[in-house]
């Protein structure tokens, strides 16, 4: 259902762009991340009408966008920090109109590794 791409290794201060394509029509789409030994956490999300939400830790550095015609969501990550290192998971929800809570995402991608070196 969801195919994520764009992860990799980058130095602190660098940038990466993640993309996620959904095989069918979905409403809200989001990104979550999980670092080793930590719980999964919310990163950013966008509704079908492009309303966005960000975790405080990434505000001003990350930007989420979507292409509804292609059922694709992108996460532009700038000014990356070592603490951004994690597996990033794309998720999609049938919830319409608002950014859903984590438990309301219906589909999850396998994840893509982002590693930021100091």
Protein backbone atom coordinates (compact mmCIF):
# COMPACT_ATOMS: atom_id res chain seq x y z
CA UNK A 1 0.00 0.00 0.00
CA UNK A 2 2.71 2.47 0.97
CA UNK A 3 6.20 2.67 -0.46
CA UNK A 4 8.69 5.03 1.15
CA UNK A 5 11.98 6.18 -0.30
CA UNK A 6 14.68 8.79 0.15
CA UNK A 7 16.39 7.81 3.36
CA UNK A 8 20.15 7.71 3.73
CA UNK A 9 23.21 8.97 5.56
CA UNK A 10 23.83 12.69 5.88
CA UNK A 11 26.00 14.95 8.00
CA UNK A 12 24.52 17.18 10.64
CA UNK A 13 23.14 20.33 9.06
CA UNK A 14 22.37 18.54 5.82
CA UNK A 15 19.08 17.78 4.11
CA UNK A 16 17.11 14.79 2.93
CA UNK A 17 13.78 14.43 1.18
CA UNK A 18 11.57 11.45 1.90
CA UNK A 19 8.76 10.40 -0.38
CA UNK A 20 5.91 7.96 0.07
CA UNK A 21 3.53 6.74 -2.59
CA UNK A 22 0.17 5.20 -1.77
CA UNK A 23 -1.23 2.61 -4.14
CA UNK A 24 -4.77 3.87 -3.65
CA UNK A 25 -6.64 6.96 -2.64
CA UNK A 26 -6.12 8.01 0.96
CA UNK A 27 -6.92 11.08 3.02
CA UNK A 28 -4.47 12.15 5.72
CA UNK A 29 -0.86 11.06 5.35
CA UNK A 30 1.88 11.31 7.89
CA UNK A 31 5.39 10.45 8.94
CA UNK A 32 6.44 8.82 12.16
CA UNK A 33 9.89 7.78 13.30
CA UNK A 34 11.40 5.29 15.68
CA UNK A 35 14.92 5.50 17.00
CA UNK A 36 16.67 2.48 18.53
CA UNK A 37 15.40 1.82 22.03
CA UNK A 38 12.71 4.46 21.76
CA UNK A 39 9.01 4.45 21.07
CA UNK A 40 7.61 5.50 17.74
CA UNK A 41 6.87 9.21 17.62
CA UNK A 42 4.89 11.54 15.40
CA UNK A 43 6.86 13.73 13.01
CA UNK A 44 4.44 15.44 10.64
CA UNK A 45 1.13 14.95 8.91
CA UNK A 46 -0.97 16.51 6.18
CA UNK A 47 -4.66 16.24 5.41
CA UNK A 48 -6.16 15.89 1.95
CA UNK A 49 -6.80 19.65 2.01
CA UNK A 50 -3.14 20.25 2.93
CA UNK A 51 -3.65 21.17 6.55
CA UNK A 52 -0.36 20.32 8.27
CA UNK A 53 0.84 19.43 11.73
CA UNK A 54 4.39 19.03 13.04
CA UNK A 55 6.08 17.75 16.13
CA UNK A 56 7.70 20.55 18.09
CA UNK A 57 11.10 18.95 17.61
CA UNK A 58 10.97 19.41 13.82
CA UNK A 59 9.05 22.68 13.42
CA UNK A 60 10.94 25.12 11.25
CA UNK A 61 13.23 22.39 9.91
CA UNK A 62 10.90 19.86 8.27
CA UNK A 63 8.20 20.51 5.71
CA UNK A 64 5.50 18.07 4.60
CA UNK A 65 3.70 18.34 1.28
CA UNK A 66 1.57 16.15 -0.94
CA UNK A 67 0.56 15.56 -4.51
CA UNK A 68 -3.02 14.34 -4.43
CA UNK A 69 -3.04 13.42 -8.10
CA UNK A 70 -0.19 10.98 -7.44
CA UNK A 71 -1.23 9.94 -3.91
CA UNK A 72 2.25 10.92 -2.79
CA UNK A 73 3.54 12.68 0.29
CA UNK A 74 6.97 14.24 0.73
CA UNK A 75 8.95 15.20 3.81
CA UNK A 76 11.67 17.76 3.24
CA UNK A 77 14.11 17.60 6.14
CA UNK A 78 16.57 20.45 6.55
CA UNK A 79 19.10 21.31 9.25
CA UNK A 80 19.21 17.68 10.27
CA UNK A 81 20.54 16.78 13.70
CA UNK A 82 21.97 13.50 15.02
CA UNK A 83 18.84 13.14 17.14
CA UNK A 84 16.80 12.90 13.93
CA UNK A 85 18.39 9.51 13.29
CA UNK A 86 15.62 6.93 13.12
CA UNK A 87 13.61 4.69 10.86
CA UNK A 88 10.96 6.89 9.28
CA UNK A 89 7.59 5.34 8.55
CA UNK A 90 4.98 6.67 6.21
CA UNK A 91 1.35 6.22 7.24
CA UNK A 92 -2.00 6.92 5.65
CA UNK A 93 -5.46 7.31 7.04
CA UNK A 94 -9.03 7.29 5.78
CA UNK A 95 -9.83 10.07 8.25
CA UNK A 96 -11.01 13.13 6.40
CA UNK A 97 -10.59 16.76 7.32
CA UNK A 98 -8.32 16.63 10.35
CA UNK A 99 -4.92 15.30 11.26
CA UNK A 100 -5.69 11.94 12.86
CA UNK A 101 -4.26 10.52 16.04
CA UNK A 102 -1.65 7.84 15.58
CA UNK A 103 -4.13 5.06 16.25
CA UNK A 104 -6.34 6.17 13.37
CA UNK A 105 -3.83 5.53 10.63
CA UNK A 106 -4.99 2.56 8.56
CA UNK A 107 -1.89 1.84 6.50
CA UNK A 108 1.80 1.79 7.36
CA UNK A 109 4.88 1.57 5.18
CA UNK A 110 7.95 -0.50 6.01
CA UNK A 111 10.11 2.49 6.79
CA UNK A 112 13.27 4.07 5.52
CA UNK A 113 16.45 4.63 7.53
CA UNK A 114 17.68 8.16 8.14
CA UNK A 115 21.09 8.48 9.76
CA UNK A 116 22.57 11.85 10.68
CA UNK A 117 26.23 11.87 11.62
CA UNK A 118 27.74 14.48 13.90
